[in-house]
Amino acid sequence: MPNDLSNPLNPSMKLLLDECVDVRLKSFIPEHEVRTVQEMRWLGKVNGELLQLTNENGFNVFITTDKKLQYQQNISQYNFAVVILDTPRSTLENLKILIPSLIVLLPNIGTGNVYTVK
């Protein structure tokens, strides 16, 4: 599927890390504009409200470790994609291992879809 989230002349995307994702992961994704829920001052927002804020603020991708999110929310209504980082434990060491797969996935994602990186 072609990427409908970013301009082919500027492959940088606007990514939001959920509060359950270690904020230090941001430094391992330098090719993109990465913000955290903490930086946006959205800590404690419930998923529906958080996803609406993500949509309203022009993010291309919402990155989380919450495997239940896709079953609790209708992601297809949003203009961004959700990427679930699936690890046994959400430690920085476990999450860093998934970054190469995430980077390969990003150019191929479409809005309103959920992707899992294992």
Protein backbone atom coordinates (compact mmCIF):
# COMPACT_ATOMS: atom_id res chain seq x y z
CA MET A 1 0.00 0.00 0.00
CA PRO A 2 1.44 3.38 -0.88
CA ASN A 3 2.09 5.77 1.92
CA ASP A 4 -0.71 8.31 2.13
CA LEU A 5 0.68 9.97 5.25
CA SER A 6 3.77 11.80 4.10
CA ASN A 7 4.99 13.78 1.14
CA PRO A 8 7.35 11.64 -0.98
CA LEU A 9 9.67 14.64 -1.29
CA ASN A 10 9.81 14.94 2.51
CA PRO A 11 9.66 11.48 4.09
CA SER A 12 9.72 12.87 7.63
CA MET A 13 6.57 12.04 9.57
CA LYS A 14 5.03 13.45 12.74
CA LEU A 15 4.94 10.68 15.36
CA LEU A 16 3.41 10.66 18.85
CA LEU A 17 4.66 8.30 21.56
CA ASP A 18 1.97 7.18 23.98
CA GLU A 19 2.62 7.66 27.69
CA CYS A 20 3.18 3.90 28.07
CA VAL A 21 6.22 4.13 25.75
CA ASP A 22 9.57 5.06 27.31
CA VAL A 23 10.24 8.69 26.31
CA ARG A 24 13.90 7.87 25.67
CA LEU A 25 12.82 5.89 22.60
CA LYS A 26 12.37 9.25 20.87
CA SER A 27 16.11 9.64 20.42
CA PHE A 28 16.26 6.41 18.40
CA ILE A 29 13.92 7.77 15.69
CA PRO A 30 15.84 10.87 14.49
CA GLU A 31 14.52 10.77 10.90
CA HIS A 32 11.08 11.88 12.04
CA GLU A 33 9.47 14.57 14.19
CA VAL A 34 8.73 12.65 17.38
CA ARG A 35 6.75 14.07 20.28
CA THR A 36 5.62 12.39 23.48
CA VAL A 37 2.30 12.55 25.28
CA GLN A 38 4.25 14.09 28.17
CA GLU A 39 5.66 16.87 25.95
CA MET A 40 2.20 17.62 24.62
CA ARG A 41 0.90 17.85 28.22
CA TRP A 42 -1.68 15.15 27.53
CA LEU A 43 -0.77 12.81 30.40
CA GLY A 44 -3.77 11.02 31.86
CA LYS A 45 -6.05 11.59 28.87
CA VAL A 46 -8.36 8.64 28.20
CA ASN A 47 -7.75 6.85 24.89
CA GLY A 48 -10.68 8.38 23.00
CA GLU A 49 -9.71 11.91 23.95
CA LEU A 50 -6.02 11.22 23.35
CA LEU A 51 -6.70 9.86 19.87
CA GLN A 52 -8.88 12.87 19.05
CA LEU A 53 -6.07 15.22 20.15
CA THR A 54 -3.60 13.20 18.05
CA ASN A 55 -5.88 13.65 15.05
CA GLU A 56 -6.52 17.36 15.63
CA ASN A 57 -2.81 18.10 15.99
CA GLY A 58 -1.80 16.57 12.68
CA PHE A 59 0.17 13.55 13.83
CA ASN A 60 0.72 10.86 11.20
CA VAL A 61 1.33 7.98 13.60
CA PHE A 62 0.43 7.16 17.21
CA ILE A 63 2.91 4.69 18.71
CA THR A 64 1.86 2.64 21.73
CA THR A 65 2.46 -0.63 23.55
CA ASP A 66 -1.25 -0.94 24.41
CA LYS A 67 -2.33 -4.11 22.58
CA LYS A 68 -5.97 -3.60 23.57
CA LEU A 69 -6.30 -0.16 21.96
CA GLN A 70 -7.28 -1.51 18.55
CA TYR A 71 -10.22 -3.39 20.12
CA GLN A 72 -11.37 -0.50 22.29
CA GLN A 73 -11.30 2.31 19.71
CA ASN A 74 -12.44 2.73 16.10
CA ILE A 75 -9.09 3.67 14.58
CA SER A 76 -10.49 3.79 11.03
CA GLN A 77 -12.17 7.14 11.78
CA TYR A 78 -8.84 8.93 12.27
CA ASN A 79 -6.41 10.55 9.82
CA PHE A 80 -3.40 8.79 11.33
CA ALA A 81 -2.17 5.25 11.81
CA VAL A 82 -1.54 3.38 15.05
CA VAL A 83 1.58 1.28 15.53
CA ILE A 84 1.65 -1.16 18.43
CA LEU A 85 5.11 -2.08 19.66
CA ASP A 86 4.61 -5.66 20.86
CA THR A 87 7.19 -6.74 23.40
CA PRO A 88 7.00 -8.98 26.48
CA ARG A 89 8.04 -6.00 28.61
CA SER A 90 8.04 -2.33 27.61
CA THR A 91 11.60 -1.65 28.65
CA LEU A 92 13.81 0.63 26.60
CA GLU A 93 16.04 -2.30 25.69
CA ASN A 94 13.09 -4.32 24.34
CA LEU A 95 11.61 -1.35 22.50
CA LYS A 96 14.92 -0.35 20.86
CA ILE A 97 15.07 -3.76 19.17
CA LEU A 98 11.85 -2.93 17.31
CA ILE A 99 13.04 0.40 15.87
CA PRO A 100 14.55 -0.99 12.62
CA SER A 101 11.24 -2.75 11.83
CA LEU A 102 9.31 0.41 12.71
CA ILE A 103 11.48 2.52 10.38
CA VAL A 104 10.91 0.05 7.52
CA LEU A 105 7.14 0.03 8.18
CA LEU A 106 6.56 3.81 8.33
CA PRO A 107 6.77 4.60 4.59
CA ASN A 108 4.15 1.92 3.89
CA ILE A 109 1.41 2.72 6.38
CA GLY A 110 -1.99 4.20 5.69
CA THR A 111 -4.34 6.33 7.75
CA GLY A 112 -6.97 4.66 9.91
CA ASN A 113 -5.01 1.40 10.13
CA VAL A 114 -3.37 -0.45 13.00
CA TYR A 115 0.01 -2.13 12.61
CA THR A 116 1.88 -4.35 15.04
CA VAL A 117 5.67 -4.47 15.20
CA LYS A 118 7.09 -7.55 16.94
